[in-house]
Amino acid sequence: MESLIKFVENEFVPKKDFPNFSSGDTITVYYEIKEGEKTRTQFFKGVVIQRRGSGATETFTIRKMSGTIGVERIFPINLPALQKIELNKRGKVRRSRIFYFRGLTGKKARIKEVRK
């Protein structure tokens, strides 16, 4: 049964070409919003807190600060409204899910950047 599900995912779910990113990276996600009959592109720039799932059900969570309030958003990787993902900075973190990042403020909330 699992092989049948994987076969359907591989054949019928369209693959989009996004850059490889992981938790700790700062990315910008451009996605389409429909308001009535109009559509417009909006972006969400923040730090990736986690990636979870695999295949067609994979999602990633981004956190940004809007003023003094933290805003998190979960995006499915196969969302049809996703237009592109830009990788702004690579971050160096030790964990794959950095939920402790929610409680940090000020200089402690900085993530070291990986230089190439």
Protein backbone atom coordinates (compact mmCIF):
# COMPACT_ATOMS: atom_id res chain seq x y z
CA MET A 1 0.00 0.00 0.00
CA GLU A 2 2.81 2.40 0.86
CA SER A 3 4.52 1.76 -2.46
CA LEU A 4 1.28 2.63 -4.25
CA ILE A 5 1.02 5.93 -2.35
CA LYS A 6 4.65 6.78 -3.16
CA PHE A 7 4.07 5.90 -6.83
CA VAL A 8 1.06 8.24 -7.05
CA GLU A 9 2.99 11.03 -5.29
CA ASN A 10 5.94 10.69 -7.67
CA GLU A 11 3.84 10.52 -10.83
CA PHE A 12 1.00 12.97 -10.28
CA VAL A 13 2.19 15.60 -7.80
CA PRO A 14 4.05 18.33 -9.72
CA LYS A 15 7.58 18.98 -8.48
CA LYS A 16 8.75 22.57 -8.09
CA ASP A 17 12.42 23.43 -8.16
CA PHE A 18 13.19 25.10 -4.82
CA PRO A 19 16.64 25.60 -3.29
CA ASN A 20 17.77 23.26 -0.53
CA PHE A 21 17.19 24.89 2.83
CA SER A 22 17.12 23.65 6.40
CA SER A 23 16.33 24.97 9.84
CA GLY A 24 18.26 28.08 10.81
CA ASP A 25 18.26 29.44 7.26
CA THR A 26 16.67 32.80 6.47
CA ILE A 27 14.44 32.55 3.42
CA THR A 28 11.87 34.62 1.56
CA VAL A 29 8.74 32.83 0.35
CA TYR A 30 6.73 34.43 -2.45
CA TYR A 31 3.14 33.21 -2.66
CA GLU A 32 -0.05 34.22 -4.43
CA ILE A 33 -3.06 35.62 -2.59
CA LYS A 34 -6.51 35.80 -4.14
CA GLU A 35 -8.69 38.71 -3.05
CA GLY A 36 -12.00 38.45 -4.80
CA GLU A 37 -11.15 38.25 -8.51
CA LYS A 38 -7.67 39.77 -8.21
CA THR A 39 -4.48 37.93 -7.37
CA ARG A 40 -1.34 39.45 -5.97
CA THR A 41 2.04 38.22 -4.82
CA GLN A 42 2.99 38.56 -1.18
CA PHE A 43 6.23 37.57 0.51
CA PHE A 44 7.08 36.25 3.95
CA LYS A 45 10.70 36.57 5.08
CA GLY A 46 11.95 34.82 8.19
CA VAL A 47 13.95 32.04 9.80
CA VAL A 48 13.08 28.40 9.13
CA ILE A 49 12.19 26.78 12.44
CA GLN A 50 11.48 23.28 11.17
CA ARG A 51 10.94 21.05 8.17
CA ARG A 52 8.70 18.07 8.70
CA GLY A 53 7.21 15.26 6.66
CA SER A 54 8.36 13.87 3.34
CA GLY A 55 7.13 13.66 -0.21
CA ALA A 56 3.83 15.36 -0.97
CA THR A 57 3.05 16.07 2.69
CA GLU A 58 6.27 17.95 3.54
CA THR A 59 5.87 21.29 5.31
CA PHE A 60 8.16 23.95 6.70
CA THR A 61 7.61 26.59 9.38
CA ILE A 62 8.96 30.12 9.15
CA ARG A 63 9.16 32.64 11.99
CA LYS A 64 9.56 36.39 11.62
CA MET A 65 9.31 39.32 13.98
CA SER A 66 6.60 41.84 13.17
CA GLY A 67 7.45 44.69 15.50
CA THR A 68 7.78 43.01 18.88
CA ILE A 69 5.44 40.13 18.08
CA GLY A 70 6.67 36.84 16.63
CA VAL A 71 4.66 35.55 13.67
CA GLU A 72 4.92 31.95 12.46
CA ARG A 73 3.54 30.50 9.28
CA ILE A 74 3.47 26.91 8.04
CA PHE A 75 3.81 26.32 4.30
CA PRO A 76 3.27 23.00 2.52
CA ILE A 77 6.07 22.45 0.01
CA ASN A 78 3.51 21.48 -2.67
CA LEU A 79 1.26 24.50 -2.17
CA PRO A 80 0.08 25.57 -5.65
CA ALA A 81 0.19 29.23 -4.60
CA LEU A 82 3.94 29.07 -3.86
CA GLN A 83 5.78 30.92 -6.60
CA LYS A 84 9.40 30.91 -5.46
CA ILE A 85 11.66 30.58 -2.46
CA GLU A 86 14.78 32.70 -2.10
CA LEU A 87 17.58 31.64 0.21
CA ASN A 88 18.88 34.80 1.91
CA LYS A 89 21.26 33.41 4.56
CA ARG A 90 22.46 29.98 5.61
CA GLY A 91 22.36 29.53 9.36
CA LYS A 92 24.42 27.22 11.55
CA VAL A 93 22.28 25.46 14.15
CA ARG A 94 22.74 22.16 15.94
CA ARG A 95 19.14 21.01 15.95
CA SER A 96 16.70 20.30 13.13
CA ARG A 97 13.77 21.85 15.01
CA ILE A 98 14.70 25.07 16.75
CA PHE A 99 11.63 25.74 18.86
CA TYR A 100 13.86 27.23 21.57
CA PHE A 101 14.26 30.16 19.16
CA ARG A 102 10.77 31.36 20.19
CA GLY A 103 11.93 32.25 23.68
CA LEU A 104 15.05 34.16 22.66
CA THR A 105 15.17 37.94 22.33
CA GLY A 106 17.82 40.50 21.46
CA LYS A 107 21.35 39.35 20.71
CA LYS A 108 20.62 35.82 21.85
CA ALA A 109 18.16 35.44 18.98
CA ARG A 110 20.94 35.72 16.40
CA ILE A 111 21.95 32.70 14.36
CA LYS A 112 25.51 32.30 13.15
CA GLU A 113 25.86 32.55 9.39
CA VAL A 114 27.64 29.84 7.41
CA ARG A 115 30.20 31.40 5.08
CA LYS A 116 31.14 29.56 1.91
